[in-house]
PDB file of N, CA and C in Angstrom:
ATOM      1  N   MET A   1       0.150  22.347 -22.226  1.00  0.00           N
ATOM      2  CA  MET A   1       0.532  20.968 -22.436  1.00  0.00           C
ATOM      3  C   MET A   1      -0.731  20.111 -22.564  1.00  0.00           C
ATOM      4  N   GLU A   2      -0.689  19.162 -23.450  1.00  0.00           N
ATOM      5  CA  GLU A   2      -1.826  18.294 -23.697  1.00  0.00           C
ATOM      6  C   GLU A   2      -1.753  17.072 -22.781  1.00  0.00           C
ATOM      7  N   ARG A   3      -2.827  16.814 -22.029  1.00  0.00           N
ATOM      8  CA  ARG A   3      -2.931  15.601 -21.219  1.00  0.00           C
ATOM      9  C   ARG A   3      -3.913  14.683 -21.914  1.00  0.00           C
ATOM     10  N   ARG A   4      -3.533  13.470 -22.092  1.00  0.00           N
ATOM     11  CA  ARG A   4      -4.389  12.541 -22.811  1.00  0.00           C
ATOM     12  C   ARG A   4      -4.491  11.247 -22.022  1.00  0.00           C
ATOM     13  N   SER A   5      -5.695  10.782 -21.795  1.00  0.00           N
ATOM     14  CA  SER A   5      -5.924   9.493 -21.157  1.00  0.00           C
ATOM     15  C   SER A   5      -6.725   8.645 -22.121  1.00  0.00           C
ATOM     16  N   GLN A   6      -6.254   7.487 -22.423  1.00  0.00           N
ATOM     17  CA  GLN A   6      -6.985   6.594 -23.307  1.00  0.00           C
ATOM     18  C   GLN A   6      -6.712   5.163 -22.882  1.00  0.00           C
ATOM     19  N   VAL A   7      -7.501   4.294 -23.365  1.00  0.00           N
ATOM     20  CA  VAL A   7      -7.308   2.880 -23.046  1.00  0.00           C
ATOM     21  C   VAL A   7      -7.494   2.064 -24.315  1.00  0.00           C
ATOM     22  N   GLU A   8      -6.683   1.027 -24.421  1.00  0.00           N
ATOM     23  CA  GLU A   8      -6.761   0.114 -25.557  1.00  0.00           C
ATOM     24  C   GLU A   8      -6.753  -1.296 -24.978  1.00  0.00           C
ATOM     25  N   PHE A   9      -7.675  -2.133 -25.416  1.00  0.00           N
ATOM     26  CA  PHE A   9      -7.734  -3.509 -24.946  1.00  0.00           C
ATOM     27  C   PHE A   9      -7.204  -4.446 -26.016  1.00  0.00           C
ATOM     28  N   LYS A  10      -6.411  -5.412 -25.573  1.00  0.00           N
ATOM     29  CA  LYS A  10      -5.898  -6.452 -26.457  1.00  0.00           C
ATOM     30  C   LYS A  10      -6.062  -7.788 -25.751  1.00  0.00           C
ATOM     31  N   PRO A  11      -6.360  -8.851 -26.491  1.00  0.00           N
ATOM     32  CA  PRO A  11      -6.417 -10.172 -25.855  1.00  0.00           C
ATOM     33  C   PRO A  11      -5.022 -10.569 -25.365  1.00  0.00           C
ATOM     34  N   ILE A  12      -4.984 -11.294 -24.280  1.00  0.00           N
ATOM     35  CA  ILE A  12      -3.703 -11.776 -23.761  1.00  0.00           C
ATOM     36  C   ILE A  12      -3.220 -12.900 -24.658  1.00  0.00           C
ATOM     37  N   GLU A  13      -1.986 -12.754 -25.124  1.00  0.00           N
ATOM     38  CA  GLU A  13      -1.390 -13.772 -25.978  1.00  0.00           C
ATOM     39  C   GLU A  13      -0.460 -14.625 -25.131  1.00  0.00           C
ATOM     40  N   LYS A  14      -0.510 -15.921 -25.353  1.00  0.00           N
ATOM     41  CA  LYS A  14       0.348 -16.837 -24.608  1.00  0.00           C
ATOM     42  C   LYS A  14       1.776 -16.727 -25.112  1.00  0.00           C
ATOM     43  N   ASP A  15       2.707 -16.681 -24.199  1.00  0.00           N
ATOM     44  CA  ASP A  15       4.123 -16.657 -24.523  1.00  0.00           C
ATOM     45  C   ASP A  15       4.560 -18.093 -24.807  1.00  0.00           C
ATOM     46  N   PRO A  16       5.114 -18.358 -25.973  1.00  0.00           N
ATOM     47  CA  PRO A  16       5.510 -19.735 -26.300  1.00  0.00           C
ATOM     48  C   PRO A  16       6.518 -20.314 -25.308  1.00  0.00           C
ATOM     49  N   LYS A  17       7.330 -19.464 -24.688  1.00  0.00           N
ATOM     50  CA  LYS A  17       8.333 -19.932 -23.730  1.00  0.00           C
ATOM     51  C   LYS A  17       7.711 -20.240 -22.369  1.00  0.00           C
ATOM     52  N   ASN A  18       6.620 -19.541 -22.017  1.00  0.00           N
ATOM     53  CA  ASN A  18       5.945 -19.734 -20.733  1.00  0.00           C
ATOM     54  C   ASN A  18       4.475 -20.061 -20.974  1.00  0.00           C
ATOM     55  N   LYS A  19       4.198 -21.212 -21.532  1.00  0.00           N
ATOM     56  CA  LYS A  19       2.829 -21.578 -21.897  1.00  0.00           C
ATOM     57  C   LYS A  19       1.905 -21.670 -20.689  1.00  0.00           C
ATOM     58  N   ASP A  20       2.450 -21.986 -19.534  1.00  0.00           N
ATOM     59  CA  ASP A  20       1.622 -22.163 -18.339  1.00  0.00           C
ATOM     60  C   ASP A  20       1.450 -20.882 -17.536  1.00  0.00           C
ATOM     61  N   ARG A  21       1.982 -19.775 -17.996  1.00  0.00           N
ATOM     62  CA  ARG A  21       1.905 -18.510 -17.259  1.00  0.00           C
ATOM     63  C   ARG A  21       0.477 -17.978 -17.285  1.00  0.00           C
ATOM     64  N   LEU A  22      -0.050 -17.668 -16.120  1.00  0.00           N
ATOM     65  CA  LEU A  22      -1.391 -17.093 -16.010  1.00  0.00           C
ATOM     66  C   LEU A  22      -1.299 -15.680 -15.469  1.00  0.00           C
ATOM     67  N   TYR A  23      -2.197 -14.823 -15.935  1.00  0.00           N
ATOM     68  CA  TYR A  23      -2.332 -13.477 -15.408  1.00  0.00           C
ATOM     69  C   TYR A  23      -3.690 -13.383 -14.727  1.00  0.00           C
ATOM     70  N   PHE A  24      -3.779 -12.532 -13.723  1.00  0.00           N
ATOM     71  CA  PHE A  24      -5.015 -12.423 -12.964  1.00  0.00           C
ATOM     72  C   PHE A  24      -5.581 -11.014 -13.071  1.00  0.00           C
ATOM     73  N   CYS A  25      -6.893 -10.935 -13.049  1.00  0.00           N
ATOM     74  CA  CYS A  25      -7.620  -9.680 -13.166  1.00  0.00           C
ATOM     75  C   CYS A  25      -7.308  -8.786 -11.961  1.00  0.00           C
ATOM     76  N   VAL A  26      -6.996  -7.513 -12.220  1.00  0.00           N
ATOM     77  CA  VAL A  26      -6.673  -6.584 -11.134  1.00  0.00           C
ATOM     78  C   VAL A  26      -7.910  -6.193 -10.337  1.00  0.00           C
ATOM     79  N   ALA A  27      -9.098  -6.405 -10.889  1.00  0.00           N
ATOM     80  CA  ALA A  27     -10.330  -6.012 -10.205  1.00  0.00           C
ATOM     81  C   ALA A  27     -10.900  -7.131  -9.336  1.00  0.00           C
ATOM     82  N   CYS A  28     -10.953  -8.356  -9.864  1.00  0.00           N
ATOM     83  CA  CYS A  28     -11.631  -9.437  -9.134  1.00  0.00           C
ATOM     84  C   CYS A  28     -10.745 -10.632  -8.800  1.00  0.00           C
ATOM     85  N   GLY A  29      -9.586 -10.757  -9.437  1.00  0.00           N
ATOM     86  CA  GLY A  29      -8.682 -11.859  -9.142  1.00  0.00           C
ATOM     87  C   GLY A  29      -8.889 -13.099  -9.997  1.00  0.00           C
ATOM     88  N   ASN A  30      -9.894 -13.111 -10.870  1.00  0.00           N
ATOM     89  CA  ASN A  30     -10.092 -14.240 -11.787  1.00  0.00           C
ATOM     90  C   ASN A  30      -8.996 -14.230 -12.846  1.00  0.00           C
ATOM     91  N   ILE A  31      -8.935 -15.268 -13.650  1.00  0.00           N
ATOM     92  CA  ILE A  31      -7.933 -15.339 -14.715  1.00  0.00           C
ATOM     93  C   ILE A  31      -8.212 -14.239 -15.734  1.00  0.00           C
ATOM     94  N   ALA A  32      -7.199 -13.467 -16.054  1.00  0.00           N
ATOM     95  CA  ALA A  32      -7.334 -12.342 -16.985  1.00  0.00           C
ATOM     96  C   ALA A  32      -7.301 -12.832 -18.426  1.00  0.00           C
ATOM     97  N   THR A  33      -8.100 -12.186 -19.261  1.00  0.00           N
ATOM     98  CA  THR A  33      -8.154 -12.512 -20.684  1.00  0.00           C
ATOM     99  C   THR A  33      -7.881 -11.299 -21.561  1.00  0.00           C
ATOM    100  N   GLN A  34      -7.843 -10.109 -20.956  1.00  0.00           N
ATOM    101  CA  GLN A  34      -7.637  -8.862 -21.700  1.00  0.00           C
ATOM    102  C   GLN A  34      -6.508  -8.055 -21.061  1.00  0.00           C
ATOM    103  N   THR A  35      -5.716  -7.430 -21.888  1.00  0.00           N
ATOM    104  CA  THR A  35      -4.695  -6.504 -21.419  1.00  0.00           C
ATOM    105  C   THR A  35      -5.152  -5.097 -21.769  1.00  0.00           C
ATOM    106  N   ALA A  36      -5.156  -4.210 -20.797  1.00  0.00           N
ATOM    107  CA  ALA A  36      -5.537  -2.819 -21.022  1.00  0.00           C
ATOM    108  C   ALA A  36      -4.291  -1.960 -20.987  1.00  0.00           C
ATOM    109  N   LEU A  37      -4.115  -1.137 -21.996  1.00  0.00           N
ATOM    110  CA  LEU A  37      -2.993  -0.206 -22.062  1.00  0.00           C
ATOM    111  C   LEU A  37      -3.535   1.198 -21.852  1.00  0.00           C
ATOM    112  N   PHE A  38      -3.178   1.803 -20.740  1.00  0.00           N
ATOM    113  CA  PHE A  38      -3.585   3.167 -20.434  1.00  0.00           C
ATOM    114  C   PHE A  38      -2.416   4.075 -20.774  1.00  0.00           C
ATOM    115  N   LYS A  39      -2.643   5.079 -21.596  1.00  0.00           N
ATOM    116  CA  LYS A  39      -1.592   6.018 -21.974  1.00  0.00           C
ATOM    117  C   LYS A  39      -1.905   7.355 -21.332  1.00  0.00           C
ATOM    118  N   ILE A  40      -1.070   7.739 -20.375  1.00  0.00           N
ATOM    119  CA  ILE A  40      -1.319   8.942 -19.595  1.00  0.00           C
ATOM    120  C   ILE A  40      -0.042   9.766 -19.524  1.00  0.00           C
ATOM    121  N   GLU A  41      -0.093  10.971 -20.055  1.00  0.00           N
ATOM    122  CA  GLU A  41       1.009  11.922 -19.993  1.00  0.00           C
ATOM    123  C   GLU A  41       2.363  11.293 -20.329  1.00  0.00           C
ATOM    124  N   GLY A  42       2.436  10.570 -21.419  1.00  0.00           N
ATOM    125  CA  GLY A  42       3.701  10.027 -21.878  1.00  0.00           C
ATOM    126  C   GLY A  42       4.082   8.687 -21.270  1.00  0.00           C
ATOM    127  N   ALA A  43       3.307   8.184 -20.322  1.00  0.00           N
ATOM    128  CA  ALA A  43       3.584   6.885 -19.709  1.00  0.00           C
ATOM    129  C   ALA A  43       2.514   5.889 -20.144  1.00  0.00           C
ATOM    130  N   THR A  44       2.871   4.637 -20.198  1.00  0.00           N
ATOM    131  CA  THR A  44       1.912   3.587 -20.503  1.00  0.00           C
ATOM    132  C   THR A  44       1.802   2.670 -19.300  1.00  0.00           C
ATOM    133  N   ILE A  45       0.585   2.466 -18.838  1.00  0.00           N
ATOM    134  CA  ILE A  45       0.313   1.593 -17.705  1.00  0.00           C
ATOM    135  C   ILE A  45      -0.412   0.371 -18.237  1.00  0.00           C
ATOM    136  N   ILE A  46       0.059  -0.812 -17.854  1.00  0.00           N
ATOM    137  CA  ILE A  46      -0.535  -2.060 -18.316  1.00  0.00           C
ATOM    138  C   ILE A  46      -1.272  -2.705 -17.151  1.00  0.00           C
ATOM    139  N   GLU A  47      -2.547  -3.028 -17.361  1.00  0.00           N
ATOM    140  CA  GLU A  47      -3.339  -3.754 -16.389  1.00  0.00           C
ATOM    141  C   GLU A  47      -4.062  -4.872 -17.120  1.00  0.00           C
ATOM    142  N   ARG A  48      -4.335  -5.937 -16.401  1.00  0.00           N
ATOM    143  CA  ARG A  48      -5.017  -7.083 -17.013  1.00  0.00           C
ATOM    144  C   ARG A  48      -6.364  -7.299 -16.341  1.00  0.00           C
ATOM    145  N   TYR A  49      -7.373  -7.637 -17.160  1.00  0.00           N
ATOM    146  CA  TYR A  49      -8.743  -7.809 -16.698  1.00  0.00           C
ATOM    147  C   TYR A  49      -9.353  -9.076 -17.283  1.00  0.00           C
ATOM    148  N   CYS A  50     -10.350  -9.626 -16.580  1.00  0.00           N
ATOM    149  CA  CYS A  50     -11.169 -10.685 -17.164  1.00  0.00           C
ATOM    150  C   CYS A  50     -12.181 -10.001 -18.088  1.00  0.00           C
ATOM    151  N   ASP A  51     -12.866 -10.770 -18.891  1.00  0.00           N
ATOM    152  CA  ASP A  51     -13.821 -10.184 -19.848  1.00  0.00           C
ATOM    153  C   ASP A  51     -14.911  -9.384 -19.142  1.00  0.00           C
ATOM    154  N   GLU A  52     -15.421  -9.889 -18.036  1.00  0.00           N
ATOM    155  CA  GLU A  52     -16.517  -9.220 -17.332  1.00  0.00           C
ATOM    156  C   GLU A  52     -16.075  -7.874 -16.757  1.00  0.00           C
ATOM    157  N   CYS A  53     -14.920  -7.831 -16.109  1.00  0.00           N
ATOM    158  CA  CYS A  53     -14.440  -6.576 -15.513  1.00  0.00           C
ATOM    159  C   CYS A  53     -13.997  -5.576 -16.574  1.00  0.00           C
ATOM    160  N   ALA A  54     -13.521  -6.073 -17.730  1.00  0.00           N
ATOM    161  CA  ALA A  54     -13.097  -5.181 -18.807  1.00  0.00           C
ATOM    162  C   ALA A  54     -14.259  -4.333 -19.309  1.00  0.00           C
ATOM    163  N   LYS A  55     -15.477  -4.873 -19.218  1.00  0.00           N
ATOM    164  CA  LYS A  55     -16.654  -4.128 -19.666  1.00  0.00           C
ATOM    165  C   LYS A  55     -16.926  -2.914 -18.787  1.00  0.00           C
ATOM    166  N   SER A  56     -16.485  -2.945 -17.537  1.00  0.00           N
ATOM    167  CA  SER A  56     -16.780  -1.859 -16.607  1.00  0.00           C
ATOM    168  C   SER A  56     -15.667  -0.813 -16.516  1.00  0.00           C
ATOM    169  N   VAL A  57     -14.580  -0.996 -17.267  1.00  0.00           N
ATOM    170  CA  VAL A  57     -13.484  -0.017 -17.255  1.00  0.00           C
ATOM    171  C   VAL A  57     -13.929   1.210 -18.023  1.00  0.00           C
ATOM    172  N   LYS A  58     -13.793   2.358 -17.375  1.00  0.00           N
ATOM    173  CA  LYS A  58     -14.207   3.610 -18.010  1.00  0.00           C
ATOM    174  C   LYS A  58     -13.103   4.116 -18.920  1.00  0.00           C
ATOM    175  N   VAL A  59     -13.498   4.466 -20.127  1.00  0.00           N
ATOM    176  CA  VAL A  59     -12.565   5.046 -21.088  1.00  0.00           C
ATOM    177  C   VAL A  59     -12.736   6.552 -21.021  1.00  0.00           C
ATOM    178  N   GLU A  60     -11.654   7.243 -20.813  1.00  0.00           N
ATOM    179  CA  GLU A  60     -11.721   8.696 -20.654  1.00  0.00           C
ATOM    180  C   GLU A  60     -10.706   9.356 -21.576  1.00  0.00           C
ATOM    181  N   TRP A  61     -11.167  10.333 -22.315  1.00  0.00           N
ATOM    182  CA  TRP A  61     -10.301  11.133 -23.167  1.00  0.00           C
ATOM    183  C   TRP A  61     -10.331  12.547 -22.638  1.00  0.00           C
ATOM    184  N   ARG A  62      -9.183  13.098 -22.331  1.00  0.00           N
ATOM    185  CA  ARG A  62      -9.125  14.490 -21.842  1.00  0.00           C
ATOM    186  C   ARG A  62      -8.028  15.228 -22.599  1.00  0.00           C
ATOM    187  N   TYR A  63      -8.340  16.407 -22.970  1.00  0.00           N
ATOM    188  CA  TYR A  63      -7.355  17.280 -23.586  1.00  0.00           C
ATOM    189  C   TYR A  63      -7.352  18.592 -22.821  1.00  0.00           C
ATOM    190  N   GLU A  64      -6.198  19.017 -22.386  1.00  0.00           N
ATOM    191  CA  GLU A  64      -6.110  20.293 -21.670  1.00  0.00           C
ATOM    192  C   GLU A  64      -5.051  21.163 -22.317  1.00  0.00           C
TER     193      GLU A  64
END
């Protein structure tokens, strides 16, 4: 079976219905500006990061 870990970053888009909604960085607690999509063994995990913390997220690709 193939195990794959990858990450994709996208800017956080404001929801027109919830313009005042804020997301916070999972690493430092500041306002998040990036959404990271981790795809691991058929599941997608969503985490949000500020620009500074997003730079330190390790991208890992594994195939087994």
